[in-house]
Amino acid sequence: MKAPNIYTIHGAEPFLIELKRDEIIQDLKKKEYFLREIFFSNDSGFKLENLFKENETSLFSEKKIIDLRLSSSLTKDNSETFIDFCRHLSEDKSLIVSIINIERVTTKKWFKEISTISEVTEIKKIYPNQFRNWVVQQSKKNSLELDIETLNLIIEKTQGNFLAAIQEIKFLKTLNANEKTSISENSDFEIFNLSDSILSDDVDMSLKIFKKLQNKKTAEPIILWFLFREMERLILTKEDPSSYFPGPRTYSDNLRRKSSKLELSFIINLKRELAKLDRDFKMGRSDFWSTSEKILIKLCNPQFFSKNPV
């Protein structure tokens, strides 16, 4: 008999498993499961005994999510105790078992047993020719309606990267709640084009896009978020050229090239200027667009502002 409060997720894509787990967690929160404890099987301090303590009775028990992430198979002894734990899981607990990178897991005896008492979701591999439909499905899950042009641009920008696609979708949702999302109507893709022009040192194109963003009355916090993000990524790439950020290969290449040309102290000082702008803007003490434009020009043409020309 399947328990209504046990969920098992397994598959080939760790990030997609994470998405499904988050979806289950959100549903459980609606049922007032507000507490959560995470157990990692790859943690050197992990012991199943610690997990089993979750079934100990308490006078003040609250609804709680037990988030178990298995990346190694259970032993015969452990599996028997674990299945017994699952069978006797108290009603005020919900168990989510995420199984990652365990070969031939469906052939394991313990997996077959837990499958009989839990709701099992298999996350199947998504192939390149299925990526488009996956993006459409994720957009609908986020209550976001995309036109064809915007959908095509997301696919082009993310190059099959699930994390990057989800970030784009959530960003669009934030900007365009309850509205049909279209490139022609919104400024978000102008921002991503601005990133390309900055990293290419194209100050003319950067200023042109920046003016469009201003004319479209783009929210100032979005501009601040974007500039902070790019500076933070430049700093991280400067410190570790192997740093990875989602996006097309050209973006990563341009980020490394740009960071290699800049002095670390220059980026840090520019970030401080941006922080000052953020503070002054919130207090009504600065012309946001004029000041941010000056910061943008410095970022595009550091050779005119750095003490040691690049």
Protein backbone atom coordinates (compact mmCIF):
# COMPACT_ATOMS: atom_id res chain seq x y z
CA MET A 1 0.00 0.00 0.00
CA LYS A 2 1.40 3.38 -1.01
CA ALA A 3 1.85 6.00 1.70
CA PRO A 4 0.45 9.45 0.83
CA ASN A 5 3.40 11.21 2.45
CA ILE A 6 6.39 9.47 0.81
CA TYR A 7 7.83 10.57 -2.53
CA THR A 8 10.65 8.99 -4.53
CA ILE A 9 12.37 10.80 -7.40
CA HIS A 10 15.03 9.27 -9.65
CA GLY A 11 16.45 9.90 -13.10
CA ALA A 12 19.33 10.98 -15.29
CA GLU A 13 19.33 14.75 -14.79
CA PRO A 14 20.18 16.04 -11.26
CA PHE A 15 18.83 19.53 -11.98
CA LEU A 16 15.50 18.18 -13.22
CA ILE A 17 15.29 16.01 -10.10
CA GLU A 18 15.86 19.18 -8.08
CA LEU A 19 13.03 20.93 -9.93
CA LYS A 20 10.62 18.10 -9.20
CA ARG A 21 11.68 18.06 -5.55
CA ASP A 22 11.03 21.80 -5.27
CA GLU A 23 7.61 21.29 -6.84
CA ILE A 24 6.70 18.65 -4.22
CA ILE A 25 8.02 20.87 -1.42
CA GLN A 26 5.85 23.78 -2.57
CA ASP A 27 2.78 21.53 -2.59
CA LEU A 28 3.59 20.29 0.91
CA LYS A 29 3.98 23.85 2.18
CA LYS A 30 0.39 24.45 1.11
CA LYS A 31 -0.48 21.61 3.50
CA GLU A 32 1.39 23.43 6.29
CA TYR A 33 4.63 21.44 6.16
CA PHE A 34 6.80 24.43 7.01
CA LEU A 35 9.77 22.67 8.63
CA ARG A 36 12.37 20.81 6.57
CA GLU A 37 15.54 18.90 7.36
CA ILE A 38 17.95 17.79 4.65
CA PHE A 39 20.08 14.63 4.79
CA PHE A 40 22.90 14.02 2.27
CA SER A 41 24.13 10.45 1.88
CA ASN A 42 27.46 11.69 0.49
CA ASP A 43 28.11 13.68 3.68
CA SER A 44 30.88 12.05 5.74
CA GLY A 45 28.81 12.68 8.85
CA PHE A 46 25.67 11.08 7.44
CA LYS A 47 24.22 8.15 9.35
CA LEU A 48 20.86 6.55 8.72
CA GLU A 49 20.45 6.41 12.50
CA ASN A 50 20.14 10.20 12.51
CA LEU A 51 17.36 9.92 9.96
CA PHE A 52 15.56 7.26 11.97
CA LYS A 53 15.37 9.60 14.96
CA GLU A 54 12.80 11.55 12.96
CA ASN A 55 10.25 8.87 13.83
CA GLU A 56 10.67 9.35 17.55
CA THR A 57 7.46 10.59 19.15
CA SER A 58 7.21 14.06 20.57
CA LEU A 59 4.49 15.88 22.49
CA PHE A 60 5.10 18.97 20.39
CA SER A 61 5.59 17.45 16.95
CA GLU A 62 5.01 19.68 13.93
CA LYS A 63 4.51 18.86 10.30
CA LYS A 64 7.93 18.39 8.79
CA ILE A 65 9.55 17.49 5.45
CA ILE A 66 12.40 14.98 5.58
CA ASP A 67 14.51 15.67 2.49
CA LEU A 68 16.80 12.67 1.85
CA ARG A 69 19.25 12.88 -1.06
CA LEU A 70 20.81 9.53 -1.93
CA SER A 71 23.87 9.39 -4.17
CA SER A 72 25.04 5.94 -3.07
CA SER A 73 23.11 2.70 -2.81
CA LEU A 74 21.92 1.35 0.52
CA THR A 75 23.49 -1.78 2.00
CA LYS A 76 21.34 -4.83 2.70
CA ASP A 77 21.22 -4.10 6.44
CA ASN A 78 20.57 -0.39 5.97
CA SER A 79 17.89 -0.99 3.36
CA GLU A 80 15.83 -3.25 5.60
CA THR A 81 15.90 -0.71 8.42
CA PHE A 82 15.17 2.11 6.00
CA ILE A 83 12.12 0.38 4.50
CA ASP A 84 10.85 -0.28 8.01
CA PHE A 85 11.36 3.41 8.81
CA CYS A 86 9.30 4.34 5.73
CA ARG A 87 6.50 1.93 6.59
CA HIS A 88 6.17 3.46 10.05
CA LEU A 89 6.66 7.11 9.07
CA SER A 90 4.42 9.25 11.27
CA GLU A 91 1.58 11.18 9.67
CA ASP A 92 3.09 14.55 10.58
CA LYS A 93 6.21 13.79 8.49
CA SER A 94 6.62 13.72 4.72
CA LEU A 95 9.64 12.00 3.21
CA ILE A 96 11.14 12.98 -0.15
CA VAL A 97 13.83 10.60 -1.42
CA SER A 98 15.89 12.03 -4.29
CA ILE A 99 18.11 9.41 -5.93
CA ILE A 100 21.03 10.78 -7.93
CA ASN A 101 23.73 8.98 -9.91
CA ILE A 102 23.07 5.46 -8.62
CA GLU A 103 23.58 3.03 -11.50
CA ARG A 104 20.77 0.59 -12.30
CA VAL A 105 18.85 1.81 -9.27
CA THR A 106 15.56 0.33 -10.49
CA THR A 107 17.08 -3.17 -10.19
CA LYS A 108 17.92 -2.71 -6.51
CA LYS A 109 15.77 -4.66 -4.07
CA TRP A 110 15.39 -1.67 -1.72
CA PHE A 111 14.25 0.53 -4.61
CA LYS A 112 11.60 -1.99 -5.64
CA GLU A 113 10.36 -2.12 -2.06
CA ILE A 114 10.19 1.65 -1.61
CA SER A 115 8.40 1.87 -4.96
CA THR A 116 5.53 -0.16 -3.51
CA ILE A 117 4.98 2.29 -0.65
CA SER A 118 5.77 5.67 -2.21
CA GLU A 119 4.76 7.91 -5.08
CA VAL A 120 7.55 7.39 -7.62
CA THR A 121 8.54 9.91 -10.28
CA GLU A 122 11.08 8.99 -12.93
CA ILE A 123 12.82 12.00 -14.46
CA LYS A 124 13.58 10.95 -17.99
CA LYS A 125 16.42 12.35 -20.06
CA ILE A 126 15.46 15.32 -22.21
CA TYR A 127 17.15 15.24 -25.61
CA PRO A 128 18.06 18.35 -27.63
CA ASN A 129 15.05 17.92 -29.92
CA GLN A 130 12.78 17.89 -26.81
CA PHE A 131 14.26 20.99 -25.19
CA ARG A 132 11.81 23.38 -26.87
CA ASN A 133 8.75 21.53 -25.57
CA TRP A 134 10.34 21.38 -22.12
CA VAL A 135 10.77 25.18 -22.08
CA VAL A 136 7.11 25.59 -23.08
CA GLN A 137 6.02 23.25 -20.26
CA GLN A 138 8.14 25.07 -17.68
CA SER A 139 6.74 28.41 -18.83
CA LYS A 140 3.19 27.15 -18.34
CA LYS A 141 4.08 25.82 -14.88
CA ASN A 142 5.23 29.32 -14.04
CA SER A 143 1.99 30.80 -15.45
CA LEU A 144 3.96 32.48 -18.21
CA GLU A 145 2.68 32.74 -21.76
CA LEU A 146 5.46 33.23 -24.32
CA ASP A 147 5.09 34.33 -27.90
CA ILE A 148 7.04 32.42 -30.57
CA GLU A 149 9.78 35.05 -30.93
CA THR A 150 10.47 35.16 -27.20
CA LEU A 151 10.45 31.37 -26.96
CA ASN A 152 12.95 31.13 -29.82
CA LEU A 153 15.24 33.65 -28.15
CA ILE A 154 15.19 31.79 -24.82
CA ILE A 155 16.19 28.59 -26.63
CA GLU A 156 18.94 30.40 -28.54
CA LYS A 157 20.27 32.12 -25.41
CA THR A 158 20.30 29.06 -23.15
CA GLN A 159 21.69 26.50 -25.60
CA GLY A 160 20.01 23.50 -23.94
CA ASN A 161 21.08 24.51 -20.42
CA PHE A 162 18.19 23.67 -18.06
CA LEU A 163 19.33 25.97 -15.25
CA ALA A 164 19.81 28.93 -17.61
CA ALA A 165 16.36 28.36 -19.16
CA ILE A 166 14.66 28.27 -15.75
CA GLN A 167 16.47 31.45 -14.72
CA GLU A 168 15.25 33.20 -17.87
CA ILE A 169 11.68 32.02 -17.30
CA LYS A 170 11.61 33.12 -13.66
CA PHE A 171 13.16 36.45 -14.52
CA LEU A 172 10.52 37.02 -17.20
CA LYS A 173 7.78 36.05 -14.77
CA THR A 174 9.06 38.61 -12.26
CA LEU A 175 8.96 41.35 -14.88
CA ASN A 176 5.73 40.42 -16.61
CA ALA A 177 3.36 38.90 -14.07
CA ASN A 178 -0.06 38.07 -15.56
CA GLU A 179 0.85 39.43 -18.98
CA LYS A 180 1.76 37.79 -22.24
CA THR A 181 5.51 38.00 -22.57
CA SER A 182 6.86 39.46 -25.79
CA ILE A 183 10.27 40.79 -26.76
CA SER A 184 8.67 43.74 -28.52
CA GLU A 185 6.79 44.76 -25.37
CA ASN A 186 9.40 44.22 -22.68
CA SER A 187 12.93 45.31 -21.86
CA ASP A 188 14.36 42.13 -20.38
CA PHE A 189 16.02 40.89 -23.57
CA GLU A 190 17.46 44.35 -24.16
CA ILE A 191 19.25 43.83 -20.85
CA PHE A 192 20.81 40.59 -22.04
CA ASN A 193 21.86 42.28 -25.29
CA LEU A 194 23.39 45.01 -23.14
CA SER A 195 25.52 42.34 -21.48
CA ASP A 196 26.92 41.31 -24.86
CA SER A 197 27.78 44.87 -25.84
CA ILE A 198 29.47 45.65 -22.50
CA LEU A 199 31.63 42.53 -22.63
CA SER A 200 32.53 43.42 -26.22
CA ASP A 201 33.61 46.95 -25.15
CA ASP A 202 31.04 48.42 -27.54
CA VAL A 203 30.19 51.66 -25.74
CA ASP A 204 28.06 53.06 -28.58
CA MET A 205 25.79 50.03 -28.71
CA SER A 206 25.69 49.86 -24.90
CA LEU A 207 24.51 53.47 -24.65
CA LYS A 208 21.95 52.91 -27.39
CA ILE A 209 20.45 49.92 -25.56
CA PHE A 210 20.67 51.76 -22.24
CA LYS A 211 18.62 54.65 -23.66
CA LYS A 212 16.01 52.19 -24.89
CA LEU A 213 15.75 50.74 -21.40
CA GLN A 214 15.31 54.24 -19.97
CA ASN A 215 12.68 55.17 -22.56
CA LYS A 216 10.76 51.97 -21.81
CA LYS A 217 10.73 52.98 -18.14
CA THR A 218 12.57 49.86 -17.04
CA ALA A 219 12.46 49.53 -13.26
CA GLU A 220 15.65 50.92 -11.70
CA PRO A 221 16.16 47.85 -9.43
CA ILE A 222 16.37 45.70 -12.58
CA ILE A 223 19.23 47.86 -13.91
CA LEU A 224 21.00 47.69 -10.54
CA TRP A 225 20.54 43.93 -10.39
CA PHE A 226 21.98 43.53 -13.88
CA LEU A 227 25.05 45.72 -13.30
CA PHE A 228 25.78 44.10 -9.93
CA ARG A 229 25.47 40.65 -11.51
CA GLU A 230 27.88 41.44 -14.34
CA MET A 231 30.45 42.99 -11.99
CA GLU A 232 30.19 40.07 -9.58
CA ARG A 233 30.73 37.62 -12.43
CA LEU A 234 33.71 39.61 -13.68
CA ILE A 235 35.26 39.48 -10.20
CA LEU A 236 34.63 35.74 -9.84
CA THR A 237 36.03 35.06 -13.31
CA LYS A 238 39.05 37.25 -12.56
CA GLU A 239 39.75 35.18 -9.45
CA ASP A 240 39.01 31.85 -11.14
CA PRO A 241 38.94 31.79 -14.97
CA SER A 242 37.30 28.34 -14.87
CA SER A 243 34.17 29.78 -13.18
CA TYR A 244 31.00 28.76 -14.97
CA PHE A 245 27.86 30.81 -15.53
CA PRO A 246 24.82 29.72 -17.57
CA GLY A 247 24.49 31.08 -21.09
CA PRO A 248 25.86 30.69 -24.61
CA ARG A 249 29.54 29.82 -25.06
CA THR A 250 30.16 33.27 -26.52
CA TYR A 251 29.02 34.84 -23.24
CA SER A 252 31.48 32.76 -21.21
CA ASP A 253 34.29 33.51 -23.67
CA ASN A 254 33.60 37.25 -23.60
CA LEU A 255 33.37 37.23 -19.81
CA ARG A 256 36.81 35.62 -19.50
CA ARG A 257 38.32 37.97 -22.07
CA LYS A 258 36.85 41.04 -20.40
CA SER A 259 37.90 40.00 -16.90
CA SER A 260 41.46 39.29 -18.02
CA LYS A 261 41.75 42.88 -19.30
CA LEU A 262 40.46 44.52 -16.13
CA GLU A 263 42.26 45.21 -12.89
CA LEU A 264 40.52 43.62 -9.92
CA SER A 265 40.73 46.88 -7.96
CA PHE A 266 39.01 48.70 -10.83
CA ILE A 267 36.01 46.33 -10.81
CA ILE A 268 35.76 46.50 -7.01
CA ASN A 269 35.81 50.33 -7.05
CA LEU A 270 33.16 50.36 -9.77
CA LYS A 271 31.02 48.01 -7.70
CA ARG A 272 31.35 50.43 -4.77
CA GLU A 273 30.14 53.25 -6.99
CA LEU A 274 27.12 51.15 -7.88
CA ALA A 275 26.43 50.44 -4.19
CA LYS A 276 26.58 54.17 -3.49
CA LEU A 277 24.16 54.80 -6.35
CA ASP A 278 21.80 52.20 -4.91
CA ARG A 279 21.90 53.89 -1.49
CA ASP A 280 21.57 57.44 -2.85
CA PHE A 281 18.75 56.48 -5.22
CA LYS A 282 16.71 54.93 -2.40
CA MET A 283 17.17 58.13 -0.40
CA GLY A 284 16.26 60.34 -3.34
CA ARG A 285 19.71 61.93 -3.50
CA SER A 286 20.81 61.07 -7.02
CA ASP A 287 19.82 61.16 -10.68
CA PHE A 288 19.67 57.41 -11.22
CA TRP A 289 19.89 57.25 -15.02
CA SER A 290 22.63 59.86 -15.35
CA THR A 291 24.81 58.25 -12.67
CA SER A 292 24.26 54.67 -13.87
CA GLU A 293 25.10 55.76 -17.43
CA LYS A 294 28.48 57.05 -16.20
CA ILE A 295 29.13 53.71 -14.49
CA LEU A 296 28.16 51.92 -17.69
CA ILE A 297 30.64 53.99 -19.73
CA LYS A 298 33.43 53.19 -17.26
CA LEU A 299 32.63 49.50 -17.50
CA CYS A 300 32.73 49.62 -21.30
CA ASN A 301 35.85 51.80 -21.56
CA PRO A 302 38.00 51.06 -18.50
CA GLN A 303 41.15 52.25 -20.28
CA PHE A 304 40.00 55.87 -19.84
CA PHE A 305 39.39 55.52 -16.10
CA SER A 306 41.81 52.93 -14.76
CA LYS A 307 45.00 54.25 -13.21
CA ASN A 308 46.96 51.62 -15.09
CA PRO A 309 45.60 51.42 -18.67
CA VAL A 310 44.67 47.92 -19.76
